[in-house]
């Protein structure tokens, strides 16, 4: 009798786990959050790559501007 009760308890527990698993797989409440998180990660990576790529150009622009200012200052002092 004790073994039958134990088997019945295990079966009920198995059914609970199966029902919870099915409910978890059908639940889509967190789907929007995951999609927005992935979109934000994509935008962040794209922005970072643009900033890294533009870093050399900005440095070059500042160097050219600095050399023109240095030439203008030396011409003004002459």
Protein backbone atom coordinates (compact mmCIF):
# COMPACT_ATOMS: atom_id res chain seq x y z
CA UNK A 1 0.00 0.00 0.00
CA UNK A 2 2.84 2.37 0.85
CA UNK A 3 4.51 1.68 -2.48
CA UNK A 4 1.29 2.41 -4.39
CA UNK A 5 0.89 5.72 -2.53
CA UNK A 6 4.50 6.60 -3.28
CA UNK A 7 4.04 5.75 -6.98
CA UNK A 8 0.87 7.85 -7.08
CA UNK A 9 2.72 10.80 -5.49
CA UNK A 10 5.50 10.49 -8.08
CA UNK A 11 2.96 10.41 -10.91
CA UNK A 12 1.25 13.53 -9.58
CA UNK A 13 4.60 15.27 -9.26
CA UNK A 14 5.49 14.26 -12.83
CA UNK A 15 2.19 15.67 -14.08
CA UNK A 16 2.81 18.93 -12.21
CA UNK A 17 6.27 19.26 -13.71
CA UNK A 18 4.93 18.49 -17.19
CA UNK A 19 2.11 21.02 -16.81
CA UNK A 20 4.53 23.70 -15.57
CA UNK A 21 6.90 22.97 -18.47
CA UNK A 22 4.10 23.31 -21.01
CA UNK A 23 2.88 26.51 -19.37
CA UNK A 24 6.44 27.91 -19.41
CA UNK A 25 6.88 27.13 -23.11
CA UNK A 26 3.55 28.73 -24.02
CA UNK A 27 4.16 31.88 -21.95
CA UNK A 28 5.39 34.75 -24.15
CA UNK A 29 5.24 37.69 -21.74
CA UNK A 30 9.02 38.23 -21.73
CA UNK A 31 9.38 38.05 -25.50
CA UNK A 32 9.13 41.82 -26.04
CA UNK A 33 11.79 42.50 -23.42
CA UNK A 34 14.19 40.09 -25.09
CA UNK A 35 13.53 41.59 -28.53
CA UNK A 36 14.12 45.14 -27.31
CA UNK A 37 17.28 44.05 -25.49
CA UNK A 38 18.65 42.44 -28.65
CA UNK A 39 17.78 45.55 -30.67
CA UNK A 40 19.51 47.78 -28.12
CA UNK A 41 22.60 45.56 -28.19
CA UNK A 42 22.70 45.75 -31.99
CA UNK A 43 22.42 49.56 -31.94
CA UNK A 44 25.15 49.80 -29.29
CA UNK A 45 27.52 47.59 -31.30
CA UNK A 46 26.81 49.50 -34.52
CA UNK A 47 27.41 52.83 -32.75
CA UNK A 48 30.64 51.58 -31.21
CA UNK A 49 31.94 50.43 -34.57
CA UNK A 50 31.10 53.80 -36.12
CA UNK A 51 32.86 55.69 -33.33
CA UNK A 52 35.93 53.47 -33.63
CA UNK A 53 35.98 53.95 -37.38
CA UNK A 54 35.50 57.71 -37.11
CA UNK A 55 38.20 58.09 -34.43
CA UNK A 56 41.00 58.14 -36.98
CA UNK A 57 39.20 60.71 -39.12
CA UNK A 58 38.57 63.02 -36.17
CA UNK A 59 42.21 62.75 -35.12
CA UNK A 60 43.31 63.60 -38.65
CA UNK A 61 40.98 66.64 -38.79
CA UNK A 62 42.35 67.95 -35.48
CA UNK A 63 45.93 67.46 -36.68
CA UNK A 64 45.27 69.39 -39.90
CA UNK A 65 43.48 72.18 -38.01
CA UNK A 66 46.37 72.38 -35.54
CA UNK A 67 48.95 72.62 -38.32
CA UNK A 68 46.95 75.38 -40.07
CA UNK A 69 46.68 77.33 -36.82
CA UNK A 70 50.41 76.93 -36.21
CA UNK A 71 51.16 78.18 -39.74
CA UNK A 72 48.75 81.11 -39.29
CA UNK A 73 50.35 82.05 -35.97
CA UNK A 74 53.87 81.95 -37.43
CA UNK A 75 52.72 84.04 -40.40
CA UNK A 76 51.07 86.58 -38.11
CA UNK A 77 54.21 86.87 -35.98
CA UNK A 78 56.51 87.40 -38.99
